[in-house]
Amino acid sequence: MSNIFNVIEERLGKEIVTQQQAIKILMLSPCYWLLSPAARKELVLEYCAEYDAVAANLSKAKKESENNTKKL
């Protein structure tokens, strides 16, 4: 049986996202193009920070889940 954390981790790909990957994702939004270059850069940095925080929390939750499973 597949663990939900494994599925999420596969979809995230990595625990961190590069600025280049973030730009590729953000460029898909029409709103991205309405921003000034300085605002775009700030958005990219914020996106990377949020993505990394979520990935770190998922990684931590996965480890806790594995520890709880081993105790059973």
PDB file of N, CA and C in Angstrom:
ATOM      1  N   MET A   1       0.848  -1.184   0.000  1.00  0.00           N
ATOM      2  CA  MET A   1       0.000   0.000   0.000  1.00  0.00           C
ATOM      3  C   MET A   1       0.888   1.239   0.000  1.00  0.00           C
ATOM      4  N   SER A   2       0.530   2.185  -0.827  1.00  0.00           N
ATOM      5  CA  SER A   2       1.330   3.396  -0.971  1.00  0.00           C
ATOM      6  C   SER A   2       1.022   4.383   0.156  1.00  0.00           C
ATOM      7  N   ASN A   3       2.080   4.888   0.762  1.00  0.00           N
ATOM      8  CA  ASN A   3       1.946   5.886   1.814  1.00  0.00           C
ATOM      9  C   ASN A   3       1.646   7.233   1.171  1.00  0.00           C
ATOM     10  N   ILE A   4       0.721   8.013   1.751  1.00  0.00           N
ATOM     11  CA  ILE A   4       0.339   9.305   1.187  1.00  0.00           C
ATOM     12  C   ILE A   4       1.537  10.241   1.079  1.00  0.00           C
ATOM     13  N   PHE A   5       2.471  10.146   2.014  1.00  0.00           N
ATOM     14  CA  PHE A   5       3.643  11.011   1.970  1.00  0.00           C
ATOM     15  C   PHE A   5       4.539  10.661   0.787  1.00  0.00           C
ATOM     16  N   ASN A   6       4.600   9.384   0.421  1.00  0.00           N
ATOM     17  CA  ASN A   6       5.365   8.993  -0.756  1.00  0.00           C
ATOM     18  C   ASN A   6       4.755   9.582  -2.021  1.00  0.00           C
ATOM     19  N   VAL A   7       3.438   9.554  -2.101  1.00  0.00           N
ATOM     20  CA  VAL A   7       2.750  10.092  -3.270  1.00  0.00           C
ATOM     21  C   VAL A   7       3.001  11.593  -3.386  1.00  0.00           C
ATOM     22  N   ILE A   8       2.855  12.302  -2.284  1.00  0.00           N
ATOM     23  CA  ILE A   8       3.072  13.754  -2.290  1.00  0.00           C
ATOM     24  C   ILE A   8       4.519  14.062  -2.629  1.00  0.00           C
ATOM     25  N   GLU A   9       5.444  13.327  -2.055  1.00  0.00           N
ATOM     26  CA  GLU A   9       6.866  13.566  -2.306  1.00  0.00           C
ATOM     27  C   GLU A   9       7.199  13.329  -3.784  1.00  0.00           C
ATOM     28  N   GLU A  10       6.595  12.308  -4.381  1.00  0.00           N
ATOM     29  CA  GLU A  10       6.821  12.050  -5.806  1.00  0.00           C
ATOM     30  C   GLU A  10       6.319  13.214  -6.651  1.00  0.00           C
ATOM     31  N   ARG A  11       5.168  13.745  -6.279  1.00  0.00           N
ATOM     32  CA  ARG A  11       4.615  14.860  -7.040  1.00  0.00           C
ATOM     33  C   ARG A  11       5.437  16.127  -6.849  1.00  0.00           C
ATOM     34  N   LEU A  12       5.962  16.330  -5.665  1.00  0.00           N
ATOM     35  CA  LEU A  12       6.811  17.496  -5.434  1.00  0.00           C
ATOM     36  C   LEU A  12       8.138  17.344  -6.155  1.00  0.00           C
ATOM     37  N   GLY A  13       8.597  16.134  -6.268  1.00  0.00           N
ATOM     38  CA  GLY A  13       9.844  15.875  -6.968  1.00  0.00           C
ATOM     39  C   GLY A  13      11.048  15.965  -6.056  1.00  0.00           C
ATOM     40  N   LYS A  14      11.297  17.126  -5.536  1.00  0.00           N
ATOM     41  CA  LYS A  14      12.460  17.341  -4.681  1.00  0.00           C
ATOM     42  C   LYS A  14      12.018  18.105  -3.449  1.00  0.00           C
ATOM     43  N   GLU A  15      12.906  18.138  -2.460  1.00  0.00           N
ATOM     44  CA  GLU A  15      12.586  18.885  -1.254  1.00  0.00           C
ATOM     45  C   GLU A  15      12.785  20.377  -1.443  1.00  0.00           C
ATOM     46  N   ILE A  16      13.533  20.770  -2.442  1.00  0.00           N
ATOM     47  CA  ILE A  16      13.711  22.190  -2.715  1.00  0.00           C
ATOM     48  C   ILE A  16      13.394  22.460  -4.170  1.00  0.00           C
ATOM     49  N   VAL A  17      13.044  23.693  -4.464  1.00  0.00           N
ATOM     50  CA  VAL A  17      12.772  24.095  -5.840  1.00  0.00           C
ATOM     51  C   VAL A  17      13.773  25.190  -6.190  1.00  0.00           C
ATOM     52  N   THR A  18      14.305  25.120  -7.385  1.00  0.00           N
ATOM     53  CA  THR A  18      15.252  26.148  -7.815  1.00  0.00           C
ATOM     54  C   THR A  18      14.480  27.360  -8.325  1.00  0.00           C
ATOM     55  N   GLN A  19      15.172  28.483  -8.415  1.00  0.00           N
ATOM     56  CA  GLN A  19      14.527  29.678  -8.945  1.00  0.00           C
ATOM     57  C   GLN A  19      14.085  29.458 -10.384  1.00  0.00           C
ATOM     58  N   GLN A  20      14.871  28.736 -11.148  1.00  0.00           N
ATOM     59  CA  GLN A  20      14.521  28.463 -12.541  1.00  0.00           C
ATOM     60  C   GLN A  20      13.235  27.641 -12.621  1.00  0.00           C
ATOM     61  N   GLN A  21      13.098  26.638 -11.750  1.00  0.00           N
ATOM     62  CA  GLN A  21      11.876  25.832 -11.739  1.00  0.00           C
ATOM     63  C   GLN A  21      10.677  26.681 -11.328  1.00  0.00           C
ATOM     64  N   ALA A  22      10.876  27.551 -10.349  1.00  0.00           N
ATOM     65  CA  ALA A  22       9.792  28.425  -9.892  1.00  0.00           C
ATOM     66  C   ALA A  22       9.348  29.355 -11.014  1.00  0.00           C
ATOM     67  N   ILE A  23      10.290  29.905 -11.749  1.00  0.00           N
ATOM     68  CA  ILE A  23       9.952  30.806 -12.855  1.00  0.00           C
ATOM     69  C   ILE A  23       9.134  30.067 -13.906  1.00  0.00           C
ATOM     70  N   LYS A  24       9.523  28.832 -14.222  1.00  0.00           N
ATOM     71  CA  LYS A  24       8.775  28.051 -15.210  1.00  0.00           C
ATOM     72  C   LYS A  24       7.327  27.858 -14.777  1.00  0.00           C
ATOM     73  N   ILE A  25       7.118  27.626 -13.497  1.00  0.00           N
ATOM     74  CA  ILE A  25       5.766  27.427 -12.972  1.00  0.00           C
ATOM     75  C   ILE A  25       4.998  28.748 -12.975  1.00  0.00           C
ATOM     76  N   LEU A  26       5.641  29.790 -12.467  1.00  0.00           N
ATOM     77  CA  LEU A  26       4.971  31.085 -12.345  1.00  0.00           C
ATOM     78  C   LEU A  26       4.663  31.720 -13.697  1.00  0.00           C
ATOM     79  N   MET A  27       5.456  31.423 -14.701  1.00  0.00           N
ATOM     80  CA  MET A  27       5.227  31.980 -16.029  1.00  0.00           C
ATOM     81  C   MET A  27       3.907  31.500 -16.640  1.00  0.00           C
ATOM     82  N   LEU A  28       3.360  30.425 -16.106  1.00  0.00           N
ATOM     83  CA  LEU A  28       2.087  29.909 -16.607  1.00  0.00           C
ATOM     84  C   LEU A  28       0.907  30.790 -16.209  1.00  0.00           C
ATOM     85  N   SER A  29       1.122  31.667 -15.230  1.00  0.00           N
ATOM     86  CA  SER A  29       0.060  32.551 -14.768  1.00  0.00           C
ATOM     87  C   SER A  29       0.103  33.876 -15.514  1.00  0.00           C
ATOM     88  N   PRO A  30      -1.037  34.315 -16.047  1.00  0.00           N
ATOM     89  CA  PRO A  30      -1.066  35.625 -16.711  1.00  0.00           C
ATOM     90  C   PRO A  30      -0.711  36.766 -15.747  1.00  0.00           C
ATOM     91  N   CYS A  31      -0.998  36.587 -14.482  1.00  0.00           N
ATOM     92  CA  CYS A  31      -0.707  37.624 -13.479  1.00  0.00           C
ATOM     93  C   CYS A  31       0.793  37.872 -13.355  1.00  0.00           C
ATOM     94  N   TYR A  32       1.586  36.847 -13.576  1.00  0.00           N
ATOM     95  CA  TYR A  32       3.040  36.982 -13.489  1.00  0.00           C
ATOM     96  C   TYR A  32       3.535  38.065 -14.438  1.00  0.00           C
ATOM     97  N   TRP A  33       2.955  38.120 -15.614  1.00  0.00           N
ATOM     98  CA  TRP A  33       3.408  39.048 -16.651  1.00  0.00           C
ATOM     99  C   TRP A  33       2.967  40.481 -16.389  1.00  0.00           C
ATOM    100  N   LEU A  34       2.037  40.666 -15.476  1.00  0.00           N
ATOM    101  CA  LEU A  34       1.587  42.013 -15.125  1.00  0.00           C
ATOM    102  C   LEU A  34       2.526  42.686 -14.120  1.00  0.00           C
ATOM    103  N   LEU A  35       3.387  41.907 -13.508  1.00  0.00           N
ATOM    104  CA  LEU A  35       4.301  42.424 -12.485  1.00  0.00           C
ATOM    105  C   LEU A  35       5.541  43.046 -13.118  1.00  0.00           C
ATOM    106  N   SER A  36       6.129  43.966 -12.387  1.00  0.00           N
ATOM    107  CA  SER A  36       7.410  44.543 -12.819  1.00  0.00           C
ATOM    108  C   SER A  36       8.499  43.491 -12.617  1.00  0.00           C
ATOM    109  N   PRO A  37       9.641  43.639 -13.279  1.00  0.00           N
ATOM    110  CA  PRO A  37      10.726  42.667 -13.068  1.00  0.00           C
ATOM    111  C   PRO A  37      11.145  42.533 -11.597  1.00  0.00           C
ATOM    112  N   ALA A  38      11.164  43.637 -10.881  1.00  0.00           N
ATOM    113  CA  ALA A  38      11.531  43.576  -9.452  1.00  0.00           C
ATOM    114  C   ALA A  38      10.486  42.788  -8.656  1.00  0.00           C
ATOM    115  N   ALA A  39       9.218  43.006  -8.970  1.00  0.00           N
ATOM    116  CA  ALA A  39       8.146  42.276  -8.286  1.00  0.00           C
ATOM    117  C   ALA A  39       8.173  40.789  -8.644  1.00  0.00           C
ATOM    118  N   ARG A  40       8.511  40.492  -9.891  1.00  0.00           N
ATOM    119  CA  ARG A  40       8.629  39.085 -10.310  1.00  0.00           C
ATOM    120  C   ARG A  40       9.721  38.381  -9.514  1.00  0.00           C
ATOM    121  N   LYS A  41      10.847  39.051  -9.369  1.00  0.00           N
ATOM    122  CA  LYS A  41      11.956  38.448  -8.623  1.00  0.00           C
ATOM    123  C   LYS A  41      11.546  38.190  -7.177  1.00  0.00           C
ATOM    124  N   GLU A  42      10.856  39.155  -6.575  1.00  0.00           N
ATOM    125  CA  GLU A  42      10.389  38.977  -5.207  1.00  0.00           C
ATOM    126  C   GLU A  42       9.416  37.807  -5.110  1.00  0.00           C
ATOM    127  N   LEU A  43       8.518  37.695  -6.092  1.00  0.00           N
ATOM    128  CA  LEU A  43       7.559  36.592  -6.123  1.00  0.00           C
ATOM    129  C   LEU A  43       8.274  35.252  -6.234  1.00  0.00           C
ATOM    130  N   VAL A  44       9.276  35.180  -7.075  1.00  0.00           N
ATOM    131  CA  VAL A  44      10.038  33.938  -7.248  1.00  0.00           C
ATOM    132  C   VAL A  44      10.700  33.538  -5.931  1.00  0.00           C
ATOM    133  N   LEU A  45      11.304  34.499  -5.255  1.00  0.00           N
ATOM    134  CA  LEU A  45      11.965  34.207  -3.977  1.00  0.00           C
ATOM    135  C   LEU A  45      10.961  33.750  -2.926  1.00  0.00           C
ATOM    136  N   GLU A  46       9.805  34.402  -2.883  1.00  0.00           N
ATOM    137  CA  GLU A  46       8.761  33.995  -1.935  1.00  0.00           C
ATOM    138  C   GLU A  46       8.242  32.599  -2.264  1.00  0.00           C
ATOM    139  N   TYR A  47       8.044  32.331  -3.540  1.00  0.00           N
ATOM    140  CA  TYR A  47       7.559  31.016  -3.969  1.00  0.00           C
ATOM    141  C   TYR A  47       8.538  29.919  -3.541  1.00  0.00           C
ATOM    142  N   CYS A  48       9.820  30.163  -3.788  1.00  0.00           N
ATOM    143  CA  CYS A  48      10.843  29.174  -3.417  1.00  0.00           C
ATOM    144  C   CYS A  48      10.843  28.928  -1.912  1.00  0.00           C
ATOM    145  N   ALA A  49      10.751  29.995  -1.136  1.00  0.00           N
ATOM    146  CA  ALA A  49      10.757  29.861   0.322  1.00  0.00           C
ATOM    147  C   ALA A  49       9.543  29.078   0.811  1.00  0.00           C
ATOM    148  N   GLU A  50       8.372  29.384   0.268  1.00  0.00           N
ATOM    149  CA  GLU A  50       7.157  28.666   0.673  1.00  0.00           C
ATOM    150  C   GLU A  50       7.198  27.208   0.250  1.00  0.00           C
ATOM    151  N   TYR A  51       7.633  26.949  -0.950  1.00  0.00           N
ATOM    152  CA  TYR A  51       7.736  25.574  -1.451  1.00  0.00           C
ATOM    153  C   TYR A  51       8.676  24.762  -0.560  1.00  0.00           C
ATOM    154  N   ASP A  52       9.835  25.349  -0.258  1.00  0.00           N
ATOM    155  CA  ASP A  52      10.812  24.647   0.565  1.00  0.00           C
ATOM    156  C   ASP A  52      10.267  24.368   1.965  1.00  0.00           C
ATOM    157  N   ALA A  53       9.506  25.322   2.508  1.00  0.00           N
ATOM    158  CA  ALA A  53       8.921  25.128   3.841  1.00  0.00           C
ATOM    159  C   ALA A  53       7.903  23.996   3.827  1.00  0.00           C
ATOM    160  N   VAL A  54       7.066  23.963   2.811  1.00  0.00           N
ATOM    161  CA  VAL A  54       6.059  22.896   2.698  1.00  0.00           C
ATOM    162  C   VAL A  54       6.743  21.542   2.515  1.00  0.00           C
ATOM    163  N   ALA A  55       7.745  21.499   1.652  1.00  0.00           N
ATOM    164  CA  ALA A  55       8.460  20.244   1.412  1.00  0.00           C
ATOM    165  C   ALA A  55       9.146  19.752   2.683  1.00  0.00           C
ATOM    166  N   ALA A  56       9.713  20.668   3.452  1.00  0.00           N
ATOM    167  CA  ALA A  56      10.378  20.287   4.701  1.00  0.00           C
ATOM    168  C   ALA A  56       9.362  19.733   5.699  1.00  0.00           C
ATOM    169  N   ASN A  57       8.193  20.358   5.778  1.00  0.00           N
ATOM    170  CA  ASN A  57       7.149  19.870   6.682  1.00  0.00           C
ATOM    171  C   ASN A  57       6.648  18.491   6.260  1.00  0.00           C
ATOM    172  N   LEU A  58       6.514  18.276   4.957  1.00  0.00           N
ATOM    173  CA  LEU A  58       6.081  16.962   4.471  1.00  0.00           C
ATOM    174  C   LEU A  58       7.132  15.901   4.778  1.00  0.00           C
ATOM    175  N   SER A  59       8.385  16.267   4.608  1.00  0.00           N
ATOM    176  CA  SER A  59       9.462  15.330   4.892  1.00  0.00           C
ATOM    177  C   SER A  59       9.461  14.964   6.380  1.00  0.00           C
ATOM    178  N   LYS A  60       9.268  15.968   7.213  1.00  0.00           N
ATOM    179  CA  LYS A  60       9.229  15.731   8.666  1.00  0.00           C
ATOM    180  C   LYS A  60       8.035  14.853   9.029  1.00  0.00           C
ATOM    181  N   ALA A  61       6.873  15.148   8.438  1.00  0.00           N
ATOM    182  CA  ALA A  61       5.672  14.364   8.719  1.00  0.00           C
ATOM    183  C   ALA A  61       5.844  12.922   8.247  1.00  0.00           C
ATOM    184  N   LYS A  62       6.520  12.747   7.120  1.00  0.00           N
ATOM    185  CA  LYS A  62       6.758  11.401   6.603  1.00  0.00           C
ATOM    186  C   LYS A  62       7.618  10.607   7.579  1.00  0.00           C
ATOM    187  N   LYS A  63       8.671  11.232   8.093  1.00  0.00           N
ATOM    188  CA  LYS A  63       9.536  10.544   9.049  1.00  0.00           C
ATOM    189  C   LYS A  63       8.777  10.181  10.314  1.00  0.00           C
ATOM    190  N   GLU A  64       7.941  11.109  10.801  1.00  0.00           N
ATOM    191  CA  GLU A  64       7.142  10.831  11.996  1.00  0.00           C
ATOM    192  C   GLU A  64       6.175   9.685  11.749  1.00  0.00           C
ATOM    193  N   SER A  65       5.577   9.660  10.561  1.00  0.00           N
ATOM    194  CA  SER A  65       4.653   8.598  10.219  1.00  0.00           C
ATOM    195  C   SER A  65       5.365   7.247  10.173  1.00  0.00           C
ATOM    196  N   GLU A  66       6.560   7.234   9.592  1.00  0.00           N
ATOM    197  CA  GLU A  66       7.332   5.992   9.532  1.00  0.00           C
ATOM    198  C   GLU A  66       7.715   5.526  10.928  1.00  0.00           C
ATOM    199  N   ASN A  67       8.068   6.454  11.814  1.00  0.00           N
ATOM    200  CA  ASN A  67       8.420   6.099  13.187  1.00  0.00           C
ATOM    201  C   ASN A  67       7.216   5.527  13.909  1.00  0.00           C
ATOM    202  N   ASN A  68       6.040   6.127  13.706  1.00  0.00           N
ATOM    203  CA  ASN A  68       4.823   5.635  14.346  1.00  0.00           C
ATOM    204  C   ASN A  68       4.438   4.255  13.820  1.00  0.00           C
ATOM    205  N   THR A  69       4.677   4.019  12.541  1.00  0.00           N
ATOM    206  CA  THR A  69       4.367   2.721  11.946  1.00  0.00           C
ATOM    207  C   THR A  69       5.289   1.646  12.512  1.00  0.00           C
ATOM    208  N   LYS A  70       6.562   1.990  12.716  1.00  0.00           N
ATOM    209  CA  LYS A  70       7.512   1.029  13.262  1.00  0.00           C
ATOM    210  C   LYS A  70       7.159   0.649  14.690  1.00  0.00           C
ATOM    211  N   LYS A  71       6.584   1.583  15.451  1.00  0.00           N
ATOM    212  CA  LYS A  71       6.209   1.321  16.848  1.00  0.00           C
ATOM    213  C   LYS A  71       5.070   0.331  16.943  1.00  0.00           C
ATOM    214  N   LEU A  72       4.245   0.281  15.880  1.00  0.00           N
ATOM    215  CA  LEU A  72       3.102  -0.643  15.887  1.00  0.00           C
ATOM    216  C   LEU A  72       3.608  -2.007  15.612  1.00  0.00           C
TER     217      LEU A  72
END
